[in-house]
Amino acid sequence: MGRHVPTSPLYLIVKRWIAFESANFLGRQMLLDPQQILNWSQFSGWKAIGSLRPLKQPSVYFMIKNRDNDKYLTVTGKLADSRATFVSVSPRNGQTTQIWYFCRGFLKSKANDSCLDVIGGKNIPGSKVSLWSEHGKTRQKWKIDKGGTISSYISDDLVLDLKGGIYYDKNYIVVNRVQDNALTQKWDIELL
């Protein structure tokens, strides 16, 4: 069972950098952890940083559980064809179709590395959310709020929600306008 984390995975990933004394990533190297350095020369003994690159961080995997029905965000359909997949909630199943990771604002499925996407990029409540190959447009970017909402970069007022109703697609994911007391719009992140 994963542990509940009330904040976004974005805050859980710490960037580390490798500083090189010379240009073109040559010379002595120094691993830098996030910290405030007031005097670089005194800290390092170098006059300047010749080049700098981020250290690749491992992905942080997690599951996303809806507070209303305790079901998990799940990819369903044919994983090889993103047009034949949809995103819904379902009971925990232990499959990669329920495992996600956060990368540069994209919520990506571990099952096929596709991104959560507002289909058609519509800024309209009720717009369907599905998976699509990464193309970098704002309709694929998301912010996870400490309060439990997951909002689209298209509009801060559009958040992940359950479609609801009584039909077969009641557990499908859509975006809707924020409603403070709507538990269908609240999500818990469980780190794996």
N, C-alpha and C. Protein backbone atom coordinates (compact mmCIF):
# COMPACT_ATOMS: atom_id res chain seq x y z
N MET A 1 0.84 -1.18 0.00
CA MET A 1 0.00 0.00 0.00
C MET A 1 0.88 1.23 0.00
N GLY A 2 0.60 2.19 -0.83
CA GLY A 2 1.38 3.42 -0.89
C GLY A 2 1.07 4.31 0.29
N ARG A 3 1.97 5.25 0.55
CA ARG A 3 1.71 6.19 1.64
C ARG A 3 1.09 7.45 1.07
N HIS A 4 0.17 8.03 1.81
CA HIS A 4 -0.55 9.23 1.37
C HIS A 4 0.36 10.44 1.49
N VAL A 5 0.42 11.23 0.43
CA VAL A 5 1.20 12.46 0.45
C VAL A 5 0.28 13.60 0.06
N PRO A 6 0.11 14.60 0.93
CA PRO A 6 -0.85 15.65 0.66
C PRO A 6 -0.39 16.68 -0.35
N THR A 7 0.85 16.62 -0.80
CA THR A 7 1.34 17.62 -1.72
C THR A 7 1.68 17.00 -3.06
N SER A 8 1.97 17.84 -4.01
CA SER A 8 2.27 17.44 -5.37
C SER A 8 3.62 16.73 -5.47
N PRO A 9 3.75 15.74 -6.38
CA PRO A 9 5.04 15.12 -6.63
C PRO A 9 6.06 16.14 -7.09
N LEU A 10 5.59 17.25 -7.65
CA LEU A 10 6.48 18.31 -8.09
C LEU A 10 7.35 18.78 -6.94
N TYR A 11 6.80 18.86 -5.74
CA TYR A 11 7.54 19.32 -4.58
C TYR A 11 8.43 18.23 -4.00
N LEU A 12 8.23 17.00 -4.41
CA LEU A 12 8.97 15.89 -3.84
C LEU A 12 10.27 15.63 -4.59
N ILE A 13 10.39 16.17 -5.78
CA ILE A 13 11.57 15.93 -6.60
C ILE A 13 12.57 17.05 -6.36
N VAL A 14 13.76 16.69 -5.93
CA VAL A 14 14.80 17.68 -5.64
C VAL A 14 15.79 17.66 -6.79
N LYS A 15 16.01 18.81 -7.40
CA LYS A 15 16.97 18.90 -8.50
C LYS A 15 18.38 18.97 -7.95
N ARG A 16 19.26 18.19 -8.53
CA ARG A 16 20.69 18.25 -8.21
C ARG A 16 21.40 18.60 -9.51
N TRP A 17 22.52 19.29 -9.39
CA TRP A 17 23.25 19.76 -10.55
C TRP A 17 24.70 19.32 -10.46
N ILE A 18 25.33 19.18 -11.62
CA ILE A 18 26.76 18.93 -11.68
C ILE A 18 27.39 20.19 -12.27
N ALA A 19 28.29 20.81 -11.51
CA ALA A 19 29.02 21.99 -11.97
C ALA A 19 30.38 21.53 -12.49
N PHE A 20 30.79 22.09 -13.61
CA PHE A 20 32.10 21.80 -14.20
C PHE A 20 32.93 23.08 -14.16
N GLU A 21 34.19 22.93 -13.84
CA GLU A 21 35.06 24.10 -13.72
C GLU A 21 35.32 24.76 -15.07
N SER A 22 35.32 23.97 -16.14
CA SER A 22 35.61 24.49 -17.48
C SER A 22 34.38 24.40 -18.38
N ALA A 23 34.45 25.11 -19.48
CA ALA A 23 33.38 25.08 -20.48
C ALA A 23 33.30 23.69 -21.11
N ASN A 24 32.19 23.42 -21.79
CA ASN A 24 31.97 22.16 -22.51
C ASN A 24 32.06 20.94 -21.60
N PHE A 25 31.65 21.11 -20.35
CA PHE A 25 31.58 20.02 -19.39
C PHE A 25 32.93 19.34 -19.15
N LEU A 26 33.98 20.15 -19.07
CA LEU A 26 35.33 19.64 -18.84
C LEU A 26 35.86 20.14 -17.50
N GLY A 27 36.94 19.52 -17.04
CA GLY A 27 37.59 19.95 -15.80
C GLY A 27 36.99 19.29 -14.57
N ARG A 28 37.36 19.86 -13.42
CA ARG A 28 36.86 19.31 -12.16
C ARG A 28 35.34 19.44 -12.11
N GLN A 29 34.72 18.49 -11.39
CA GLN A 29 33.26 18.46 -11.27
C GLN A 29 32.88 18.57 -9.80
N MET A 30 31.69 19.12 -9.57
CA MET A 30 31.17 19.23 -8.23
C MET A 30 29.67 18.95 -8.26
N LEU A 31 29.21 18.07 -7.37
CA LEU A 31 27.79 17.77 -7.25
C LEU A 31 27.17 18.82 -6.34
N LEU A 32 26.11 19.49 -6.83
CA LEU A 32 25.46 20.54 -6.06
C LEU A 32 24.07 20.10 -5.63
N ASP A 33 23.82 20.17 -4.35
CA ASP A 33 22.49 19.92 -3.81
C ASP A 33 21.78 21.27 -3.70
N PRO A 34 20.44 21.28 -3.67
CA PRO A 34 19.72 22.54 -3.53
C PRO A 34 20.10 23.23 -2.22
N GLN A 35 20.65 24.41 -2.33
CA GLN A 35 21.03 25.22 -1.18
C GLN A 35 21.36 26.62 -1.64
N GLN A 36 21.41 27.53 -0.73
CA GLN A 36 21.77 28.91 -1.07
C GLN A 36 23.27 29.06 -0.90
N ILE A 37 23.94 29.53 -1.94
CA ILE A 37 25.38 29.75 -1.89
C ILE A 37 25.60 31.25 -2.03
N LEU A 38 26.07 31.88 -0.97
CA LEU A 38 26.23 33.32 -0.97
C LEU A 38 27.52 33.77 -1.64
N ASN A 39 28.58 32.95 -1.55
CA ASN A 39 29.86 33.33 -2.14
C ASN A 39 30.43 32.10 -2.85
N TRP A 40 30.27 32.06 -4.17
CA TRP A 40 30.68 30.89 -4.94
C TRP A 40 32.18 30.61 -4.81
N SER A 41 33.00 31.64 -4.90
CA SER A 41 34.46 31.46 -4.83
C SER A 41 34.88 30.85 -3.50
N GLN A 42 34.31 31.34 -2.42
CA GLN A 42 34.63 30.81 -1.10
C GLN A 42 34.10 29.38 -0.94
N PHE A 43 32.90 29.12 -1.47
CA PHE A 43 32.28 27.81 -1.36
C PHE A 43 33.07 26.76 -2.13
N SER A 44 33.49 27.07 -3.36
CA SER A 44 34.07 26.06 -4.25
C SER A 44 35.58 26.18 -4.44
N GLY A 45 36.11 27.37 -4.27
CA GLY A 45 37.52 27.58 -4.61
C GLY A 45 37.71 27.88 -6.09
N TRP A 46 36.63 27.93 -6.86
CA TRP A 46 36.68 28.24 -8.28
C TRP A 46 36.32 29.71 -8.48
N LYS A 47 36.83 30.30 -9.56
CA LYS A 47 36.46 31.67 -9.90
C LYS A 47 35.06 31.75 -10.50
N ALA A 48 34.71 30.73 -11.27
CA ALA A 48 33.40 30.72 -11.95
C ALA A 48 33.02 29.28 -12.27
N ILE A 49 31.78 29.11 -12.67
CA ILE A 49 31.31 27.81 -13.18
C ILE A 49 31.47 27.84 -14.69
N GLY A 50 32.20 26.87 -15.23
CA GLY A 50 32.41 26.81 -16.67
C GLY A 50 31.19 26.27 -17.40
N SER A 51 30.54 25.27 -16.84
CA SER A 51 29.32 24.71 -17.42
C SER A 51 28.56 23.99 -16.31
N LEU A 52 27.28 23.79 -16.58
CA LEU A 52 26.38 23.26 -15.57
C LEU A 52 25.35 22.38 -16.25
N ARG A 53 25.03 21.24 -15.65
CA ARG A 53 23.97 20.40 -16.19
C ARG A 53 23.21 19.74 -15.04
N PRO A 54 21.92 19.48 -15.26
CA PRO A 54 21.16 18.81 -14.19
C PRO A 54 21.53 17.34 -14.12
N LEU A 55 21.46 16.80 -12.93
CA LEU A 55 21.66 15.37 -12.74
C LEU A 55 20.32 14.71 -12.96
N LYS A 56 20.28 13.71 -13.79
CA LYS A 56 19.01 13.04 -14.09
C LYS A 56 18.46 12.43 -12.81
N GLN A 57 17.22 12.77 -12.53
CA GLN A 57 16.55 12.28 -11.33
C GLN A 57 15.68 11.08 -11.70
N PRO A 58 15.61 10.11 -10.82
CA PRO A 58 14.71 8.98 -11.11
C PRO A 58 13.27 9.44 -11.02
N SER A 59 12.41 8.80 -11.79
CA SER A 59 10.99 9.14 -11.75
C SER A 59 10.40 8.72 -10.41
N VAL A 60 9.46 9.53 -9.93
CA VAL A 60 8.73 9.22 -8.72
C VAL A 60 7.37 8.70 -9.16
N TYR A 61 7.09 7.45 -8.87
CA TYR A 61 5.84 6.85 -9.29
C TYR A 61 4.81 6.94 -8.17
N PHE A 62 3.55 7.10 -8.57
CA PHE A 62 2.48 7.24 -7.60
C PHE A 62 1.17 6.81 -8.20
N MET A 63 0.17 6.63 -7.32
CA MET A 63 -1.19 6.35 -7.74
C MET A 63 -2.04 7.54 -7.32
N ILE A 64 -3.14 7.76 -8.04
CA ILE A 64 -4.02 8.91 -7.78
C ILE A 64 -5.40 8.37 -7.43
N LYS A 65 -5.82 8.61 -6.17
CA LYS A 65 -7.08 8.05 -5.68
C LYS A 65 -8.12 9.15 -5.52
N ASN A 66 -9.32 8.89 -6.02
CA ASN A 66 -10.43 9.83 -5.89
C ASN A 66 -11.02 9.74 -4.49
N ARG A 67 -11.22 10.88 -3.85
CA ARG A 67 -11.72 10.90 -2.47
C ARG A 67 -13.19 10.54 -2.38
N ASP A 68 -13.94 10.72 -3.45
CA ASP A 68 -15.37 10.44 -3.41
C ASP A 68 -15.68 8.95 -3.35
N ASN A 69 -14.96 8.16 -4.15
CA ASN A 69 -15.30 6.73 -4.23
C ASN A 69 -14.12 5.80 -3.94
N ASP A 70 -12.97 6.36 -3.53
CA ASP A 70 -11.78 5.56 -3.20
C ASP A 70 -11.32 4.68 -4.37
N LYS A 71 -11.57 5.12 -5.59
CA LYS A 71 -11.09 4.41 -6.77
C LYS A 71 -9.91 5.18 -7.36
N TYR A 72 -9.12 4.48 -8.19
CA TYR A 72 -7.87 5.03 -8.69
C TYR A 72 -7.95 5.42 -10.17
N LEU A 73 -7.24 6.49 -10.51
CA LEU A 73 -7.14 6.93 -11.90
C LEU A 73 -6.50 5.80 -12.70
N THR A 74 -7.19 5.36 -13.76
CA THR A 74 -6.81 4.15 -14.49
C THR A 74 -6.89 4.37 -15.99
N VAL A 75 -5.90 3.84 -16.71
CA VAL A 75 -5.93 3.84 -18.16
C VAL A 75 -6.62 2.55 -18.60
N THR A 76 -7.60 2.68 -19.48
CA THR A 76 -8.35 1.52 -19.95
C THR A 76 -8.34 1.52 -21.47
N GLY A 77 -8.32 0.36 -22.06
CA GLY A 77 -8.36 0.25 -23.52
C GLY A 77 -7.07 -0.35 -24.06
N LYS A 78 -6.85 -0.14 -25.36
CA LYS A 78 -5.67 -0.70 -26.03
C LYS A 78 -4.50 0.26 -25.85
N LEU A 79 -3.52 -0.13 -25.04
CA LEU A 79 -2.39 0.74 -24.73
C LEU A 79 -1.53 1.07 -25.94
N ALA A 80 -1.49 0.21 -26.93
CA ALA A 80 -0.67 0.45 -28.10
C ALA A 80 -1.23 1.56 -29.00
N ASP A 81 -2.49 1.89 -28.85
CA ASP A 81 -3.13 2.91 -29.67
C ASP A 81 -3.81 3.92 -28.75
N SER A 82 -3.21 5.12 -28.62
CA SER A 82 -3.74 6.11 -27.68
C SER A 82 -5.16 6.54 -28.05
N ARG A 83 -5.55 6.39 -29.32
CA ARG A 83 -6.93 6.74 -29.71
C ARG A 83 -7.94 5.73 -29.17
N ALA A 84 -7.44 4.57 -28.75
CA ALA A 84 -8.34 3.53 -28.25
C ALA A 84 -8.27 3.40 -26.72
N THR A 85 -7.73 4.42 -26.06
CA THR A 85 -7.68 4.40 -24.60
C THR A 85 -8.56 5.50 -24.03
N PHE A 86 -8.95 5.32 -22.80
CA PHE A 86 -9.65 6.37 -22.07
C PHE A 86 -9.20 6.30 -20.63
N VAL A 87 -9.50 7.34 -19.87
CA VAL A 87 -9.09 7.41 -18.48
C VAL A 87 -10.35 7.43 -17.62
N SER A 88 -10.35 6.57 -16.61
CA SER A 88 -11.49 6.47 -15.71
C SER A 88 -10.96 6.20 -14.31
N VAL A 89 -11.85 5.92 -13.38
CA VAL A 89 -11.45 5.44 -12.07
C VAL A 89 -11.95 4.02 -11.90
N SER A 90 -11.15 3.21 -11.22
CA SER A 90 -11.55 1.83 -10.95
C SER A 90 -10.87 1.37 -9.66
N PRO A 91 -11.35 0.26 -9.09
CA PRO A 91 -10.73 -0.25 -7.87
C PRO A 91 -9.25 -0.57 -8.09
N ARG A 92 -8.47 -0.50 -7.04
CA ARG A 92 -7.04 -0.80 -7.12
C ARG A 92 -6.83 -2.19 -7.70
N ASN A 93 -5.93 -2.29 -8.71
CA ASN A 93 -5.71 -3.58 -9.36
C ASN A 93 -4.24 -4.00 -9.41
N GLY A 94 -3.32 -3.14 -8.98
CA GLY A 94 -1.91 -3.49 -8.96
C GLY A 94 -1.23 -3.46 -10.32
N GLN A 95 -1.89 -2.97 -11.35
CA GLN A 95 -1.34 -2.93 -12.70
C GLN A 95 -0.68 -1.57 -12.98
N THR A 96 0.20 -1.53 -13.99
CA THR A 96 0.86 -0.28 -14.36
C THR A 96 -0.13 0.74 -14.93
N THR A 97 -1.32 0.30 -15.29
CA THR A 97 -2.33 1.22 -15.82
C THR A 97 -2.85 2.18 -14.74
N GLN A 98 -2.48 1.95 -13.49
CA GLN A 98 -2.87 2.84 -12.39
C GLN A 98 -1.67 3.59 -11.81
N ILE A 99 -0.52 3.46 -12.45
CA ILE A 99 0.69 4.10 -11.95
C ILE A 99 1.04 5.29 -12.85
N TRP A 100 1.35 6.42 -12.21
CA TRP A 100 1.60 7.68 -12.90
C TRP A 100 2.92 8.27 -12.45
N TYR A 101 3.46 9.19 -13.24
CA TYR A 101 4.61 9.98 -12.81
C TYR A 101 4.47 11.38 -13.37
N PHE A 102 5.12 12.33 -12.71
CA PHE A 102 5.02 13.74 -13.06
C PHE A 102 6.33 14.16 -13.70
N CYS A 103 6.27 14.75 -14.89
CA CYS A 103 7.47 15.11 -15.62
C CYS A 103 7.25 16.44 -16.36
N ARG A 104 7.90 17.51 -15.90
CA ARG A 104 7.83 18.83 -16.54
C ARG A 104 6.40 19.34 -16.71
N GLY A 105 5.53 19.04 -15.77
CA GLY A 105 4.14 19.48 -15.83
C GLY A 105 3.19 18.47 -16.46
N PHE A 106 3.73 17.40 -17.02
CA PHE A 106 2.90 16.37 -17.64
C PHE A 106 2.62 15.27 -16.62
N LEU A 107 1.38 14.81 -16.58
CA LEU A 107 1.03 13.62 -15.80
C LEU A 107 1.06 12.46 -16.80
N LYS A 108 2.02 11.55 -16.62
CA LYS A 108 2.24 10.49 -17.60
C LYS A 108 1.94 9.12 -17.00
N SER A 109 1.39 8.26 -17.84
CA SER A 109 1.08 6.89 -17.44
C SER A 109 2.34 6.03 -17.56
N LYS A 110 2.60 5.24 -16.55
CA LYS A 110 3.74 4.32 -16.61
C LYS A 110 3.47 3.20 -17.63
N ALA A 111 2.21 2.92 -17.89
CA ALA A 111 1.85 1.83 -18.81
C ALA A 111 2.32 2.08 -20.23
N ASN A 112 2.25 3.34 -20.70
CA ASN A 112 2.66 3.60 -22.09
C ASN A 112 3.32 4.97 -22.29
N ASP A 113 3.67 5.66 -21.22
CA ASP A 113 4.35 6.96 -21.25
C ASP A 113 3.56 8.06 -21.96
N SER A 114 2.27 7.86 -22.15
CA SER A 114 1.42 8.89 -22.73
C SER A 114 0.98 9.87 -21.64
N CYS A 115 0.55 11.05 -22.08
CA CYS A 115 0.18 12.14 -21.17
C CYS A 115 -1.32 12.25 -21.00
N LEU A 116 -1.72 12.65 -19.82
CA LEU A 116 -3.11 13.02 -19.58
C LEU A 116 -3.38 14.26 -20.42
N ASP A 117 -4.47 14.28 -21.19
CA ASP A 117 -4.71 15.31 -22.18
C ASP A 117 -6.20 15.69 -22.20
N VAL A 118 -6.49 17.00 -22.19
CA VAL A 118 -7.87 17.45 -22.40
C VAL A 118 -8.10 17.36 -23.90
N ILE A 119 -8.93 16.43 -24.33
CA ILE A 119 -9.11 16.16 -25.75
C ILE A 119 -9.64 17.40 -26.46
N GLY A 120 -8.94 17.77 -27.51
CA GLY A 120 -9.31 18.94 -28.31
C GLY A 120 -8.90 20.26 -27.69
N GLY A 121 -8.33 20.23 -26.49
CA GLY A 121 -7.89 21.46 -25.84
C GLY A 121 -9.02 22.41 -25.51
N LYS A 122 -10.20 21.88 -25.30
CA LYS A 122 -11.38 22.71 -25.07
C LYS A 122 -11.39 23.28 -23.65
N ASN A 123 -11.68 24.56 -23.55
CA ASN A 123 -11.78 25.25 -22.27
C ASN A 123 -13.24 25.24 -21.83
N ILE A 124 -13.85 24.05 -21.86
CA ILE A 124 -15.28 23.90 -21.60
C ILE A 124 -15.49 22.85 -20.51
N PRO A 125 -16.27 23.18 -19.47
CA PRO A 125 -16.58 22.17 -18.47
C PRO A 125 -17.21 20.94 -19.13
N GLY A 126 -16.80 19.77 -18.67
CA GLY A 126 -17.31 18.52 -19.22
C GLY A 126 -16.45 17.95 -20.34
N SER A 127 -15.38 18.66 -20.73
CA SER A 127 -14.50 18.15 -21.79
C SER A 127 -13.82 16.87 -21.32
N LYS A 128 -13.76 15.90 -22.21
CA LYS A 128 -13.20 14.58 -21.91
C LYS A 128 -11.69 14.66 -21.73
N VAL A 129 -11.18 13.86 -20.81
CA VAL A 129 -9.74 13.73 -20.58
C VAL A 129 -9.34 12.32 -20.99
N SER A 130 -8.27 12.21 -21.74
CA SER A 130 -7.79 10.91 -22.18
C SER A 130 -6.27 10.93 -22.20
N LEU A 131 -5.66 9.93 -22.81
CA LEU A 131 -4.21 9.88 -22.97
C LEU A 131 -3.85 10.21 -24.41
N TRP A 132 -2.70 10.85 -24.56
CA TRP A 132 -2.21 11.16 -25.89
C TRP A 132 -0.70 11.23 -25.83
N SER A 133 -0.04 11.03 -26.95
CA SER A 133 1.41 11.17 -27.02
C SER A 133 1.79 12.60 -26.67
N GLU A 134 2.94 12.76 -26.03
CA GLU A 134 3.37 14.09 -25.59
C GLU A 134 3.62 14.99 -26.80
N HIS A 135 2.96 16.16 -26.81
CA HIS A 135 3.20 17.16 -27.85
C HIS A 135 3.53 18.52 -27.24
N GLY A 136 3.45 18.65 -25.93
CA GLY A 136 3.90 19.84 -25.25
C GLY A 136 2.91 20.98 -25.13
N LYS A 137 1.72 20.83 -25.68
CA LYS A 137 0.73 21.91 -25.60
C LYS A 137 0.16 21.99 -24.19
N THR A 138 -0.41 23.16 -23.86
CA THR A 138 -0.90 23.39 -22.50
C THR A 138 -2.01 22.44 -22.10
N ARG A 139 -2.71 21.88 -23.03
CA ARG A 139 -3.80 20.97 -22.68
C ARG A 139 -3.29 19.67 -22.05
N GLN A 140 -1.98 19.43 -22.10
CA GLN A 140 -1.39 18.25 -21.48
C GLN A 140 -0.71 18.56 -20.16
N LYS A 141 -0.72 19.81 -19.73
CA LYS A 141 -0.01 20.17 -18.51
C LYS A 141 -0.98 20.35 -17.35
N TRP A 142 -0.50 19.95 -16.16
CA TRP A 142 -1.35 19.90 -14.98
C TRP A 142 -0.61 20.43 -13.76
N LYS A 143 -1.38 20.93 -12.80
CA LYS A 143 -0.85 21.37 -11.51
C LYS A 143 -1.61 20.61 -10.43
N ILE A 144 -0.87 20.05 -9.49
CA ILE A 144 -1.49 19.33 -8.38
C ILE A 144 -1.48 20.25 -7.17
N ASP A 145 -2.66 20.60 -6.70
CA ASP A 145 -2.81 21.54 -5.60
C ASP A 145 -2.75 20.80 -4.26
N LYS A 146 -2.23 21.49 -3.24
CA LYS A 146 -2.16 20.89 -1.90
C LYS A 146 -3.53 20.48 -1.39
N GLY A 147 -4.59 21.17 -1.84
CA GLY A 147 -5.94 20.85 -1.40
C GLY A 147 -6.52 19.61 -2.04
N GLY A 148 -5.83 19.05 -3.03
CA GLY A 148 -6.28 17.81 -3.64
C GLY A 148 -6.86 17.94 -5.03
N THR A 149 -6.94 19.15 -5.58
CA THR A 149 -7.43 19.28 -6.95
C THR A 149 -6.26 19.18 -7.93
N ILE A 150 -6.56 18.73 -9.13
CA ILE A 150 -5.57 18.66 -10.21
C ILE A 150 -6.11 19.54 -11.32
N SER A 151 -5.48 20.71 -11.51
CA SER A 151 -6.00 21.69 -12.46
C SER A 151 -5.21 21.70 -13.76
N SER A 152 -5.91 22.04 -14.82
CA SER A 152 -5.33 22.10 -16.16
C SER A 152 -4.66 23.44 -16.38
N TYR A 153 -3.57 23.45 -17.15
CA TYR A 153 -2.93 24.71 -17.54
C TYR A 153 -3.83 25.51 -18.48
N ILE A 154 -4.81 24.87 -19.09
CA ILE A 154 -5.74 25.59 -19.96
C ILE A 154 -6.44 26.67 -19.17
N SER A 155 -6.85 26.32 -17.94
CA SER A 155 -7.52 27.26 -17.03
C SER A 155 -7.40 26.74 -15.61
N ASP A 156 -6.99 27.60 -14.67
CA ASP A 156 -6.89 27.20 -13.27
C ASP A 156 -8.25 26.78 -12.71
N ASP A 157 -9.31 27.20 -13.38
CA ASP A 157 -10.66 26.90 -12.92
C ASP A 157 -11.16 25.54 -13.40
N LEU A 158 -10.41 24.88 -14.28
CA LEU A 158 -10.78 23.56 -14.78
C LEU A 158 -9.96 22.50 -14.07
N VAL A 159 -10.65 21.57 -13.40
CA VAL A 159 -9.98 20.52 -12.63
C VAL A 159 -10.49 19.14 -13.04
N LEU A 160 -9.67 18.12 -12.76
CA LEU A 160 -10.10 16.75 -13.03
C LEU A 160 -11.32 16.42 -12.18
N ASP A 161 -12.28 15.74 -12.80
CA ASP A 161 -13.53 15.40 -12.13
C ASP A 161 -14.06 14.11 -12.74
N LEU A 162 -14.96 13.46 -12.04
CA LEU A 162 -15.67 12.30 -12.59
C LEU A 162 -16.85 12.80 -13.41
N LYS A 163 -17.14 12.15 -14.52
CA LYS A 163 -18.27 12.56 -15.34
C LYS A 163 -19.58 12.41 -14.57
N GLY A 164 -19.72 11.29 -13.86
CA GLY A 164 -20.92 11.06 -13.06
C GLY A 164 -22.10 10.62 -13.91
N GLY A 165 -23.26 10.60 -13.31
CA GLY A 165 -24.47 10.16 -13.99
C GLY A 165 -24.77 8.70 -13.73
N ILE A 166 -25.57 8.12 -14.62
CA ILE A 166 -25.99 6.72 -14.43
C ILE A 166 -25.60 5.82 -15.60
N TYR A 167 -24.93 6.36 -16.60
CA TYR A 167 -24.60 5.58 -17.79
C TYR A 167 -23.24 4.90 -17.65
N TYR A 168 -22.88 4.10 -18.65
CA TYR A 168 -21.65 3.31 -18.64
C TYR A 168 -20.41 4.17 -18.44
N ASP A 169 -20.45 5.45 -18.85
CA ASP A 169 -19.28 6.31 -18.77
C ASP A 169 -19.23 7.17 -17.51
N LYS A 170 -19.98 6.82 -16.48
CA LYS A 170 -20.06 7.63 -15.27
C LYS A 170 -18.71 7.74 -14.54
N ASN A 171 -17.80 6.77 -14.73
CA ASN A 171 -16.49 6.81 -14.09
C ASN A 171 -15.40 7.39 -14.98
N TYR A 172 -15.76 7.91 -16.16
CA TYR A 172 -14.79 8.55 -17.05
C TYR A 172 -14.35 9.88 -16.44
N ILE A 173 -13.17 10.32 -16.84
CA ILE A 173 -12.61 11.57 -16.32
C ILE A 173 -12.87 12.71 -17.31
N VAL A 174 -13.29 13.83 -16.75
CA VAL A 174 -13.53 15.06 -17.50
C VAL A 174 -12.90 16.21 -16.72
N VAL A 175 -12.93 17.41 -17.31
CA VAL A 175 -12.56 18.61 -16.55
C VAL A 175 -13.85 19.39 -16.29
N ASN A 176 -13.95 19.94 -15.10
CA ASN A 176 -15.09 20.76 -14.71
C ASN A 176 -14.63 21.97 -13.92
N ARG A 177 -15.51 22.94 -13.79
CA ARG A 177 -15.22 24.11 -12.97
C ARG A 177 -15.08 23.69 -11.52
N VAL A 178 -14.18 24.34 -10.79
CA VAL A 178 -13.92 24.02 -9.39
C VAL A 178 -15.18 24.25 -8.56
N GLN A 179 -15.50 23.26 -7.75
CA GLN A 179 -16.57 23.36 -6.76
C GLN A 179 -15.95 22.96 -5.43
N ASP A 180 -15.93 23.88 -4.47
CA ASP A 180 -15.21 23.66 -3.21
C ASP A 180 -15.56 22.38 -2.48
N ASN A 181 -16.81 21.98 -2.48
CA ASN A 181 -17.22 20.81 -1.69
C ASN A 181 -17.40 19.54 -2.51
N ALA A 182 -16.98 19.54 -3.76
CA ALA A 182 -17.15 18.36 -4.63
C ALA A 182 -16.01 17.37 -4.40
N LEU A 183 -16.30 16.28 -3.71
CA LEU A 183 -15.27 15.26 -3.46
C LEU A 183 -14.84 14.55 -4.74
N THR A 184 -15.68 14.57 -5.77
CA THR A 184 -15.29 13.94 -7.05
C THR A 184 -14.13 14.70 -7.69
N GLN A 185 -13.86 15.93 -7.24
CA GLN A 185 -12.77 16.74 -7.77
C GLN A 185 -11.53 16.69 -6.87
N LYS A 186 -11.57 15.91 -5.80
CA LYS A 186 -10.45 15.83 -4.86
C LYS A 186 -9.73 14.51 -5.04
N TRP A 187 -8.41 14.58 -5.06
CA TRP A 187 -7.57 13.42 -5.34
C TRP A 187 -6.45 13.32 -4.31
N ASP A 188 -6.10 12.12 -3.94
CA ASP A 188 -4.97 11.87 -3.04
C ASP A 188 -3.85 11.19 -3.83
N ILE A 189 -2.62 11.64 -3.57
CA ILE A 189 -1.44 11.07 -4.22
C ILE A 189 -0.85 10.03 -3.27
N GLU A 190 -0.66 8.81 -3.75
CA GLU A 190 -0.05 7.75 -2.96
C GLU A 190 1.27 7.34 -3.63
N LEU A 191 2.37 7.68 -2.97
CA LEU A 191 3.68 7.34 -3.51
C LEU A 191 3.91 5.83 -3.44
N LEU A 192 4.62 5.31 -4.43
CA LEU A 192 4.93 3.87 -4.45
C LEU A 192 6.37 3.65 -4.10
